[in-house]
């Protein structure tokens, strides 16, 4: 059987045995989905590419711990989501230190963030939607991306996120409602 004909579980087993070509095939099969998931989380294609690379490096390092009874796609999605969370934490820390001023200067610090109306007015089409999705809370964003962008079933999404199927349904409803509100020019400060 050639690598192209092997299913993900067989490729993962071969990769666990040290066959790098098998891991390269897994990466080729799943990199677009991981990139779309990361882009949906962070809203930036270049950052998503970096996160995708980090996710595959981490997956390669942890391939020995992959459980063949689970879909490789779900395992990879979990790693990518964790990398997105890491990225968000690092970004928050960098932003904090970038914006930090001495307390005496606090009187003169202006709020440089654009209002939600200005932000929505300046964005167009796909960029506007990606930014709105990226602004959703993680628990809503994860469900929205997995169910709509990655077309995962409700059951698979529930297993991947370790929540009930009803929670997936509820979060998806809330994510869509919040996204609709944001795209209509609603107050996205409450995100």
N, C-alpha and C. Protein backbone atom coordinates (compact mmCIF):
# COMPACT_ATOMS: atom_id res chain seq x y z
N UNK A 1 0.84 -1.18 0.00
CA UNK A 1 0.00 0.00 0.00
C UNK A 1 0.89 1.25 0.00
N UNK A 2 0.58 2.20 -0.87
CA UNK A 2 1.35 3.44 -0.93
C UNK A 2 0.89 4.39 0.16
N UNK A 3 1.71 5.40 0.43
CA UNK A 3 1.34 6.38 1.44
C UNK A 3 0.04 7.10 1.08
N UNK A 4 -0.13 7.42 -0.19
CA UNK A 4 -1.33 8.14 -0.62
C UNK A 4 -2.59 7.32 -0.40
N UNK A 5 -2.48 6.01 -0.43
CA UNK A 5 -3.65 5.13 -0.25
C UNK A 5 -3.95 4.85 1.21
N UNK A 6 -3.00 5.10 2.10
CA UNK A 6 -3.16 4.77 3.52
C UNK A 6 -4.10 5.76 4.19
N UNK A 7 -4.88 5.25 5.15
CA UNK A 7 -5.74 6.16 5.92
C UNK A 7 -4.90 6.84 7.00
N UNK A 8 -5.51 7.81 7.67
CA UNK A 8 -4.78 8.59 8.66
C UNK A 8 -4.21 7.73 9.79
N UNK A 9 -4.98 6.76 10.24
CA UNK A 9 -4.50 5.92 11.34
C UNK A 9 -3.26 5.12 10.94
N UNK A 10 -3.28 4.60 9.72
CA UNK A 10 -2.13 3.84 9.23
C UNK A 10 -0.91 4.76 9.08
N UNK A 11 -1.14 5.95 8.56
CA UNK A 11 -0.04 6.91 8.42
C UNK A 11 0.52 7.30 9.78
N UNK A 12 -0.37 7.50 10.75
CA UNK A 12 0.08 7.88 12.09
C UNK A 12 0.91 6.75 12.70
N UNK A 13 0.47 5.51 12.50
CA UNK A 13 1.24 4.36 13.02
C UNK A 13 2.63 4.32 12.37
N UNK A 14 2.68 4.57 11.08
CA UNK A 14 3.98 4.57 10.38
C UNK A 14 4.84 5.73 10.86
N UNK A 15 4.21 6.88 11.11
CA UNK A 15 4.95 8.03 11.62
C UNK A 15 5.48 7.74 13.03
N UNK A 16 4.68 7.04 13.85
CA UNK A 16 5.13 6.67 15.18
C UNK A 16 6.34 5.73 15.12
N UNK A 17 6.40 4.95 14.04
CA UNK A 17 7.53 4.03 13.85
C UNK A 17 8.76 4.75 13.28
N UNK A 18 8.64 6.06 13.05
CA UNK A 18 9.78 6.84 12.59
C UNK A 18 9.80 7.16 11.11
N UNK A 19 8.76 6.83 10.39
CA UNK A 19 8.72 7.10 8.95
C UNK A 19 8.28 8.55 8.71
N UNK A 20 9.22 9.41 8.39
CA UNK A 20 8.94 10.83 8.21
C UNK A 20 8.03 11.10 7.02
N UNK A 21 8.13 10.29 5.98
CA UNK A 21 7.27 10.49 4.80
C UNK A 21 5.80 10.30 5.16
N UNK A 22 5.51 9.41 6.09
CA UNK A 22 4.13 9.20 6.53
C UNK A 22 3.61 10.45 7.24
N UNK A 23 4.46 11.05 8.08
CA UNK A 23 4.04 12.27 8.77
C UNK A 23 3.88 13.41 7.77
N UNK A 24 4.74 13.48 6.78
CA UNK A 24 4.62 14.50 5.74
C UNK A 24 3.28 14.37 5.00
N UNK A 25 2.84 13.13 4.76
CA UNK A 25 1.55 12.91 4.10
C UNK A 25 0.40 13.37 5.00
N UNK A 26 0.48 13.08 6.29
CA UNK A 26 -0.53 13.55 7.24
C UNK A 26 -0.58 15.08 7.24
N UNK A 27 0.58 15.68 7.24
CA UNK A 27 0.65 17.14 7.25
C UNK A 27 0.03 17.71 5.97
N UNK A 28 0.32 17.11 4.85
CA UNK A 28 -0.24 17.59 3.58
C UNK A 28 -1.76 17.47 3.58
N UNK A 29 -2.27 16.40 4.16
CA UNK A 29 -3.72 16.19 4.20
C UNK A 29 -4.45 17.18 5.10
N UNK A 30 -3.81 17.59 6.18
CA UNK A 30 -4.52 18.34 7.21
C UNK A 30 -4.09 19.80 7.37
N UNK A 31 -3.06 20.23 6.65
CA UNK A 31 -2.56 21.59 6.89
C UNK A 31 -3.57 22.66 6.52
N UNK A 32 -4.34 22.47 5.44
CA UNK A 32 -5.32 23.50 5.07
C UNK A 32 -6.40 23.65 6.13
N UNK A 33 -6.88 22.52 6.67
CA UNK A 33 -7.91 22.57 7.70
C UNK A 33 -7.37 23.23 8.97
N UNK A 34 -6.13 22.91 9.34
CA UNK A 34 -5.53 23.51 10.53
C UNK A 34 -5.34 25.01 10.30
N UNK A 35 -4.90 25.38 9.12
CA UNK A 35 -4.70 26.80 8.81
C UNK A 35 -6.04 27.55 8.88
N UNK A 36 -7.10 26.97 8.31
CA UNK A 36 -8.41 27.63 8.36
C UNK A 36 -8.89 27.79 9.79
N UNK A 37 -8.67 26.79 10.60
CA UNK A 37 -9.05 26.85 12.01
C UNK A 37 -8.27 27.96 12.72
N UNK A 38 -6.98 28.01 12.49
CA UNK A 38 -6.15 29.05 13.12
C UNK A 38 -6.52 30.44 12.61
N UNK A 39 -6.74 30.57 11.31
CA UNK A 39 -7.12 31.88 10.76
C UNK A 39 -8.44 32.35 11.35
N UNK A 40 -9.35 31.42 11.53
CA UNK A 40 -10.62 31.77 12.15
C UNK A 40 -10.45 32.26 13.58
N UNK A 41 -9.49 31.68 14.27
CA UNK A 41 -9.25 32.09 15.66
C UNK A 41 -8.57 33.44 15.74
N UNK A 42 -7.56 33.66 14.92
CA UNK A 42 -6.74 34.87 15.07
C UNK A 42 -7.08 35.96 14.07
N UNK A 43 -7.77 35.61 13.00
CA UNK A 43 -8.19 36.62 12.03
C UNK A 43 -7.09 37.15 11.13
N UNK A 44 -5.94 36.52 11.11
CA UNK A 44 -4.82 37.00 10.31
C UNK A 44 -4.16 35.81 9.63
N UNK A 45 -4.03 35.86 8.32
CA UNK A 45 -3.50 34.74 7.55
C UNK A 45 -2.04 34.43 7.89
N UNK A 46 -1.21 35.45 8.07
CA UNK A 46 0.20 35.22 8.38
C UNK A 46 0.38 34.61 9.77
N UNK A 47 -0.34 35.14 10.74
CA UNK A 47 -0.28 34.57 12.09
C UNK A 47 -0.80 33.13 12.07
N UNK A 48 -1.85 32.88 11.28
CA UNK A 48 -2.41 31.53 11.17
C UNK A 48 -1.39 30.56 10.60
N UNK A 49 -0.59 31.02 9.66
CA UNK A 49 0.46 30.18 9.09
C UNK A 49 1.49 29.81 10.15
N UNK A 50 1.88 30.79 10.97
CA UNK A 50 2.82 30.51 12.06
C UNK A 50 2.23 29.51 13.05
N UNK A 51 0.98 29.68 13.39
CA UNK A 51 0.31 28.78 14.33
C UNK A 51 0.21 27.39 13.73
N UNK A 52 -0.09 27.31 12.44
CA UNK A 52 -0.17 26.00 11.77
C UNK A 52 1.17 25.28 11.84
N UNK A 53 2.24 26.00 11.57
CA UNK A 53 3.57 25.40 11.66
C UNK A 53 3.87 24.94 13.08
N UNK A 54 3.54 25.76 14.06
CA UNK A 54 3.76 25.38 15.46
C UNK A 54 2.95 24.14 15.82
N UNK A 55 1.73 24.07 15.32
CA UNK A 55 0.86 22.93 15.63
C UNK A 55 1.45 21.64 15.05
N UNK A 56 1.94 21.68 13.84
CA UNK A 56 2.50 20.47 13.24
C UNK A 56 3.84 20.08 13.86
N UNK A 57 4.62 21.05 14.28
CA UNK A 57 5.86 20.74 15.00
C UNK A 57 5.51 20.06 16.32
N UNK A 58 4.53 20.61 17.04
CA UNK A 58 4.11 20.01 18.32
C UNK A 58 3.53 18.62 18.10
N UNK A 59 2.75 18.45 17.04
CA UNK A 59 2.17 17.14 16.75
C UNK A 59 3.26 16.12 16.43
N UNK A 60 4.26 16.54 15.69
CA UNK A 60 5.37 15.63 15.36
C UNK A 60 6.09 15.19 16.63
N UNK A 61 6.31 16.15 17.53
CA UNK A 61 6.99 15.84 18.79
C UNK A 61 6.16 14.90 19.66
N UNK A 62 4.83 14.98 19.51
CA UNK A 62 3.93 14.18 20.36
C UNK A 62 3.31 13.00 19.63
N UNK A 63 3.77 12.68 18.43
CA UNK A 63 3.14 11.63 17.63
C UNK A 63 3.11 10.29 18.38
N UNK A 64 4.06 10.06 19.23
CA UNK A 64 4.08 8.83 20.01
C UNK A 64 2.91 8.71 20.97
N UNK A 65 2.30 9.84 21.32
CA UNK A 65 1.16 9.83 22.24
C UNK A 65 -0.18 9.83 21.51
N UNK A 66 -0.16 9.85 20.18
CA UNK A 66 -1.41 9.83 19.42
C UNK A 66 -2.13 8.50 19.65
N UNK A 67 -3.41 8.59 19.94
CA UNK A 67 -4.26 7.41 20.16
C UNK A 67 -4.99 7.09 18.87
N UNK A 68 -4.63 5.99 18.23
CA UNK A 68 -5.21 5.61 16.94
C UNK A 68 -6.69 5.35 16.97
N UNK A 69 -7.30 5.26 18.15
CA UNK A 69 -8.74 5.04 18.21
C UNK A 69 -9.51 6.34 17.96
N UNK A 70 -8.81 7.47 18.04
CA UNK A 70 -9.42 8.78 17.77
C UNK A 70 -9.03 9.24 16.37
N UNK A 71 -9.90 10.01 15.72
CA UNK A 71 -9.53 10.53 14.40
C UNK A 71 -8.31 11.47 14.50
N UNK A 72 -7.40 11.32 13.56
CA UNK A 72 -6.21 12.18 13.54
C UNK A 72 -6.62 13.64 13.39
N UNK A 73 -7.64 13.88 12.59
CA UNK A 73 -8.11 15.25 12.36
C UNK A 73 -8.53 15.91 13.67
N UNK A 74 -9.23 15.19 14.51
CA UNK A 74 -9.67 15.74 15.79
C UNK A 74 -8.47 16.00 16.71
N UNK A 75 -7.50 15.08 16.70
CA UNK A 75 -6.30 15.25 17.51
C UNK A 75 -5.54 16.50 17.05
N UNK A 76 -5.41 16.66 15.75
CA UNK A 76 -4.72 17.82 15.19
C UNK A 76 -5.46 19.11 15.51
N UNK A 77 -6.80 19.07 15.43
CA UNK A 77 -7.61 20.26 15.74
C UNK A 77 -7.41 20.68 17.19
N UNK A 78 -7.33 19.72 18.09
CA UNK A 78 -7.11 20.03 19.51
C UNK A 78 -5.75 20.71 19.70
N UNK A 79 -4.73 20.21 19.03
CA UNK A 79 -3.40 20.83 19.13
C UNK A 79 -3.45 22.25 18.57
N UNK A 80 -4.11 22.43 17.43
CA UNK A 80 -4.20 23.76 16.81
C UNK A 80 -4.94 24.74 17.72
N UNK A 81 -6.02 24.29 18.33
CA UNK A 81 -6.78 25.16 19.24
C UNK A 81 -5.90 25.56 20.42
N UNK A 82 -5.15 24.62 20.95
CA UNK A 82 -4.24 24.94 22.05
C UNK A 82 -3.18 25.96 21.62
N UNK A 83 -2.67 25.81 20.41
CA UNK A 83 -1.68 26.77 19.90
C UNK A 83 -2.32 28.16 19.72
N UNK A 84 -3.58 28.20 19.31
CA UNK A 84 -4.29 29.48 19.19
C UNK A 84 -4.46 30.14 20.55
N UNK A 85 -4.75 29.34 21.56
CA UNK A 85 -4.87 29.88 22.92
C UNK A 85 -3.52 30.42 23.40
N UNK A 86 -2.45 29.68 23.12
CA UNK A 86 -1.11 30.15 23.47
C UNK A 86 -0.82 31.49 22.79
N UNK A 87 -1.15 31.57 21.51
CA UNK A 87 -0.93 32.80 20.74
C UNK A 87 -1.69 33.96 21.38
N UNK A 88 -2.95 33.73 21.76
CA UNK A 88 -3.77 34.79 22.36
C UNK A 88 -3.18 35.25 23.69
N UNK A 89 -2.69 34.30 24.49
CA UNK A 89 -2.07 34.69 25.77
C UNK A 89 -0.80 35.51 25.53
N UNK A 90 0.03 35.07 24.60
CA UNK A 90 1.26 35.83 24.31
C UNK A 90 0.92 37.22 23.78
N UNK A 91 -0.08 37.29 22.95
CA UNK A 91 -0.49 38.58 22.38
C UNK A 91 -0.98 39.52 23.48
N UNK A 92 -1.75 38.99 24.42
CA UNK A 92 -2.26 39.81 25.52
C UNK A 92 -1.11 40.35 26.37
N UNK A 93 -0.11 39.52 26.63
CA UNK A 93 1.04 39.96 27.42
C UNK A 93 1.82 41.03 26.66
N UNK A 94 2.07 40.76 25.36
CA UNK A 94 2.80 41.76 24.55
C UNK A 94 2.05 43.08 24.51
N UNK A 95 0.74 43.00 24.33
CA UNK A 95 -0.06 44.22 24.26
C UNK A 95 -0.01 44.97 25.58
N UNK A 96 -0.08 44.24 26.68
CA UNK A 96 -0.02 44.88 27.99
C UNK A 96 1.27 45.67 28.14
N UNK A 97 2.42 45.04 27.80
CA UNK A 97 3.69 45.72 27.96
C UNK A 97 3.89 46.83 26.93
N UNK A 98 3.30 46.67 25.75
CA UNK A 98 3.40 47.71 24.73
C UNK A 98 2.64 48.96 25.16
N UNK A 99 1.49 48.74 25.77
CA UNK A 99 0.64 49.87 26.15
C UNK A 99 0.94 50.40 27.54
N UNK A 100 1.80 49.71 28.28
CA UNK A 100 2.09 50.12 29.66
C UNK A 100 2.82 51.46 29.68
N UNK A 101 2.35 52.33 30.52
CA UNK A 101 2.95 53.65 30.72
C UNK A 101 3.18 53.84 32.22
N UNK A 102 4.10 54.70 32.56
CA UNK A 102 4.25 55.01 33.98
C UNK A 102 2.94 55.56 34.53
N UNK A 103 2.66 55.31 35.78
CA UNK A 103 1.39 55.72 36.37
C UNK A 103 1.20 57.23 36.30
N UNK A 104 2.30 57.99 36.34
CA UNK A 104 2.18 59.45 36.26
C UNK A 104 1.69 59.90 34.88
N UNK A 105 1.95 59.08 33.86
CA UNK A 105 1.52 59.42 32.51
C UNK A 105 0.09 58.98 32.22
N UNK A 106 -0.53 58.30 33.16
CA UNK A 106 -1.87 57.74 32.92
C UNK A 106 -2.90 58.80 32.60
N UNK A 107 -2.72 59.99 33.09
CA UNK A 107 -3.67 61.06 32.83
C UNK A 107 -3.67 61.41 31.34
N UNK A 108 -2.55 61.21 30.67
CA UNK A 108 -2.41 61.63 29.27
C UNK A 108 -2.58 60.49 28.27
N UNK A 109 -2.96 59.33 28.73
CA UNK A 109 -3.11 58.18 27.84
C UNK A 109 -4.48 58.24 27.19
N UNK A 110 -4.49 58.26 25.87
CA UNK A 110 -5.75 58.27 25.13
C UNK A 110 -6.10 56.85 24.72
N UNK A 111 -7.38 56.59 24.56
CA UNK A 111 -7.84 55.30 24.07
C UNK A 111 -7.72 55.32 22.55
N UNK A 112 -6.73 54.59 22.03
CA UNK A 112 -6.46 54.61 20.60
C UNK A 112 -7.26 53.58 19.82
N UNK A 113 -8.05 52.77 20.49
CA UNK A 113 -8.83 51.77 19.78
C UNK A 113 -9.99 52.42 19.06
N UNK A 114 -10.26 51.91 17.88
CA UNK A 114 -11.38 52.44 17.09
C UNK A 114 -12.69 51.99 17.71
N UNK A 115 -13.70 52.80 17.53
CA UNK A 115 -15.02 52.40 18.02
C UNK A 115 -15.50 51.22 17.18
N UNK A 116 -16.44 50.42 17.71
CA UNK A 116 -16.94 49.29 16.92
C UNK A 116 -17.51 49.73 15.56
N UNK A 117 -18.16 50.87 15.54
CA UNK A 117 -18.73 51.36 14.28
C UNK A 117 -17.62 51.69 13.27
N UNK A 118 -16.55 52.36 13.75
CA UNK A 118 -15.43 52.69 12.86
C UNK A 118 -14.73 51.43 12.37
N UNK A 119 -14.56 50.47 13.28
CA UNK A 119 -13.89 49.22 12.91
C UNK A 119 -14.69 48.47 11.86
N UNK A 120 -16.01 48.40 12.04
CA UNK A 120 -16.83 47.70 11.06
C UNK A 120 -16.89 48.45 9.73
N UNK A 121 -16.92 49.77 9.81
CA UNK A 121 -17.00 50.57 8.58
C UNK A 121 -15.71 50.45 7.77
N UNK A 122 -14.56 50.28 8.42
CA UNK A 122 -13.29 50.24 7.70
C UNK A 122 -13.00 48.87 7.08
N UNK A 123 -13.64 47.85 7.56
CA UNK A 123 -13.39 46.50 7.05
C UNK A 123 -14.38 46.18 5.94
N UNK A 124 -13.99 45.31 5.04
CA UNK A 124 -14.86 44.90 3.96
C UNK A 124 -14.87 43.40 3.81
N UNK A 125 -16.02 42.87 3.32
CA UNK A 125 -16.15 41.47 2.92
C UNK A 125 -15.57 40.46 3.88
N UNK A 126 -14.73 39.62 3.37
CA UNK A 126 -14.18 38.50 4.13
C UNK A 126 -13.34 38.98 5.31
N UNK A 127 -12.60 40.04 5.13
CA UNK A 127 -11.79 40.58 6.21
C UNK A 127 -12.67 40.97 7.38
N UNK A 128 -13.80 41.55 7.09
CA UNK A 128 -14.75 41.97 8.12
C UNK A 128 -15.31 40.76 8.87
N UNK A 129 -15.66 39.73 8.14
CA UNK A 129 -16.21 38.52 8.77
C UNK A 129 -15.13 37.82 9.60
N UNK A 130 -13.92 37.68 9.05
CA UNK A 130 -12.84 37.04 9.80
C UNK A 130 -12.53 37.78 11.09
N UNK A 131 -12.55 39.09 11.03
CA UNK A 131 -12.29 39.88 12.24
C UNK A 131 -13.39 39.66 13.27
N UNK A 132 -14.63 39.59 12.81
CA UNK A 132 -15.75 39.38 13.73
C UNK A 132 -15.65 37.99 14.37
N UNK A 133 -15.31 37.00 13.57
CA UNK A 133 -15.16 35.64 14.11
C UNK A 133 -14.01 35.62 15.12
N UNK A 134 -12.91 36.25 14.78
CA UNK A 134 -11.76 36.27 15.69
C UNK A 134 -12.09 36.97 17.01
N UNK A 135 -13.07 37.88 17.00
CA UNK A 135 -13.44 38.62 18.21
C UNK A 135 -14.38 37.85 19.12
N UNK A 136 -14.91 36.75 18.63
CA UNK A 136 -15.82 35.96 19.47
C UNK A 136 -15.06 35.34 20.64
N UNK A 137 -15.73 35.11 21.75
CA UNK A 137 -15.08 34.39 22.85
C UNK A 137 -14.66 32.99 22.38
N UNK A 138 -13.58 32.45 22.96
CA UNK A 138 -13.05 31.16 22.52
C UNK A 138 -14.11 30.07 22.51
N UNK A 139 -14.93 30.00 23.55
CA UNK A 139 -15.89 28.90 23.62
C UNK A 139 -16.91 28.96 22.49
N UNK A 140 -17.27 30.15 22.04
CA UNK A 140 -18.20 30.29 20.91
C UNK A 140 -17.47 30.12 19.58
N UNK A 141 -16.27 30.68 19.50
CA UNK A 141 -15.49 30.63 18.26
C UNK A 141 -15.13 29.20 17.89
N UNK A 142 -14.70 28.42 18.89
CA UNK A 142 -14.30 27.04 18.62
C UNK A 142 -15.44 26.24 18.01
N UNK A 143 -16.62 26.35 18.60
CA UNK A 143 -17.77 25.61 18.10
C UNK A 143 -18.14 26.09 16.71
N UNK A 144 -18.18 27.40 16.50
CA UNK A 144 -18.54 27.95 15.19
C UNK A 144 -17.58 27.46 14.11
N UNK A 145 -16.28 27.52 14.37
CA UNK A 145 -15.29 27.11 13.38
C UNK A 145 -15.36 25.61 13.09
N UNK A 146 -15.46 24.82 14.13
CA UNK A 146 -15.48 23.37 13.92
C UNK A 146 -16.76 22.92 13.22
N UNK A 147 -17.89 23.51 13.58
CA UNK A 147 -19.17 23.07 12.99
C UNK A 147 -19.37 23.64 11.58
N UNK A 148 -19.05 24.91 11.37
CA UNK A 148 -19.37 25.53 10.07
C UNK A 148 -18.20 25.53 9.09
N UNK A 149 -17.02 25.88 9.53
CA UNK A 149 -15.88 25.94 8.62
C UNK A 149 -15.33 24.55 8.35
N UNK A 150 -15.14 23.77 9.41
CA UNK A 150 -14.58 22.43 9.26
C UNK A 150 -15.64 21.36 9.05
N UNK A 151 -16.90 21.71 9.13
CA UNK A 151 -18.04 20.81 8.88
C UNK A 151 -17.98 19.54 9.74
N UNK A 152 -17.54 19.69 10.97
CA UNK A 152 -17.54 18.55 11.88
C UNK A 152 -18.96 18.33 12.38
N UNK A 153 -19.28 17.11 12.67
CA UNK A 153 -20.61 16.80 13.20
C UNK A 153 -20.72 17.35 14.62
N UNK A 154 -21.95 17.44 15.09
CA UNK A 154 -22.18 17.92 16.44
C UNK A 154 -21.53 16.96 17.45
N UNK A 155 -21.66 15.67 17.19
CA UNK A 155 -21.09 14.66 18.09
C UNK A 155 -19.57 14.75 18.13
N UNK A 156 -18.92 14.86 16.95
CA UNK A 156 -17.46 14.96 16.90
C UNK A 156 -16.97 16.24 17.57
N UNK A 157 -17.70 17.33 17.36
CA UNK A 157 -17.33 18.60 17.99
C UNK A 157 -17.42 18.47 19.51
N UNK A 158 -18.47 17.83 19.99
CA UNK A 158 -18.64 17.64 21.43
C UNK A 158 -17.50 16.82 22.02
N UNK A 159 -17.12 15.76 21.33
CA UNK A 159 -16.02 14.91 21.81
C UNK A 159 -14.71 15.69 21.82
N UNK A 160 -14.44 16.41 20.74
CA UNK A 160 -13.20 17.17 20.63
C UNK A 160 -13.08 18.23 21.72
N UNK A 161 -14.17 18.94 21.99
CA UNK A 161 -14.14 20.02 22.98
C UNK A 161 -14.45 19.55 24.40
N UNK A 162 -14.78 18.27 24.52
CA UNK A 162 -15.10 17.67 25.83
C UNK A 162 -16.29 18.36 26.50
N UNK A 163 -17.34 18.58 25.69
CA UNK A 163 -18.59 19.15 26.20
C UNK A 163 -19.73 18.31 25.65
N UNK A 164 -20.94 18.56 26.13
CA UNK A 164 -22.10 17.80 25.65
C UNK A 164 -22.54 18.30 24.28
N UNK A 165 -23.29 17.46 23.58
CA UNK A 165 -23.82 17.86 22.27
C UNK A 165 -24.77 19.04 22.43
N UNK A 166 -25.52 19.08 23.51
CA UNK A 166 -26.43 20.20 23.77
C UNK A 166 -25.64 21.50 23.95
N UNK A 167 -24.48 21.40 24.61
CA UNK A 167 -23.63 22.58 24.78
C UNK A 167 -23.10 23.05 23.43
N UNK A 168 -22.79 22.12 22.54
CA UNK A 168 -22.34 22.48 21.19
C UNK A 168 -23.46 23.24 20.49
N UNK A 169 -24.67 22.71 20.56
CA UNK A 169 -25.83 23.34 19.92
C UNK A 169 -26.06 24.75 20.47
N UNK A 170 -26.00 24.88 21.77
CA UNK A 170 -26.24 26.18 22.42
C UNK A 170 -25.15 27.19 22.04
N UNK A 171 -23.90 26.75 22.10
CA UNK A 171 -22.79 27.66 21.77
C UNK A 171 -22.83 28.07 20.30
N UNK A 172 -23.21 27.15 19.42
CA UNK A 172 -23.31 27.49 18.01
C UNK A 172 -24.39 28.53 17.79
N UNK A 173 -25.52 28.37 18.45
CA UNK A 173 -26.61 29.35 18.34
C UNK A 173 -26.14 30.72 18.84
N UNK A 174 -25.48 30.73 19.99
CA UNK A 174 -25.00 32.01 20.55
C UNK A 174 -23.93 32.63 19.66
N UNK A 175 -23.04 31.83 19.11
CA UNK A 175 -21.99 32.35 18.23
C UNK A 175 -22.60 32.99 16.99
N UNK A 176 -23.57 32.32 16.39
CA UNK A 176 -24.21 32.88 15.20
C UNK A 176 -24.96 34.16 15.53
N UNK A 177 -25.64 34.19 16.66
CA UNK A 177 -26.38 35.39 17.06
C UNK A 177 -25.42 36.55 17.31
N UNK A 178 -24.32 36.27 18.02
CA UNK A 178 -23.35 37.31 18.32
C UNK A 178 -22.67 37.81 17.04
N UNK A 179 -22.35 36.89 16.14
CA UNK A 179 -21.74 37.26 14.88
C UNK A 179 -22.68 38.14 14.06
N UNK A 180 -23.94 37.76 14.01
CA UNK A 180 -24.94 38.55 13.29
C UNK A 180 -25.03 39.95 13.88
N UNK A 181 -25.08 40.02 15.20
CA UNK A 181 -25.14 41.31 15.88
C UNK A 181 -23.92 42.17 15.56
N UNK A 182 -22.74 41.55 15.58
CA UNK A 182 -21.51 42.29 15.30
C UNK A 182 -21.47 42.78 13.86
N UNK A 183 -21.89 41.96 12.93
CA UNK A 183 -21.83 42.33 11.52
C UNK A 183 -22.88 43.36 11.15
N UNK A 184 -23.93 43.44 11.93
CA UNK A 184 -24.97 44.47 11.71
C UNK A 184 -24.58 45.78 12.35
N UNK A 185 -23.46 45.80 13.03
CA UNK A 185 -23.01 47.05 13.64
C UNK A 185 -23.41 47.15 15.09
N UNK A 186 -23.76 46.00 15.72
CA UNK A 186 -24.13 46.00 17.14
C UNK A 186 -22.91 46.31 17.97
N UNK A 187 -23.11 46.44 19.25
CA UNK A 187 -22.05 46.77 20.19
C UNK A 187 -21.20 45.55 20.45
N UNK A 188 -20.01 45.47 19.83
CA UNK A 188 -19.17 44.29 20.06
C UNK A 188 -18.19 44.51 21.21
N UNK A 189 -18.37 45.53 22.01
CA UNK A 189 -17.59 45.66 23.23
C UNK A 189 -18.01 44.58 24.23
N UNK A 190 -19.21 44.06 24.06
CA UNK A 190 -19.72 43.07 25.01
C UNK A 190 -19.31 41.66 24.64
N UNK A 191 -18.46 41.47 23.61
CA UNK A 191 -18.09 40.14 23.15
C UNK A 191 -17.46 39.35 24.24
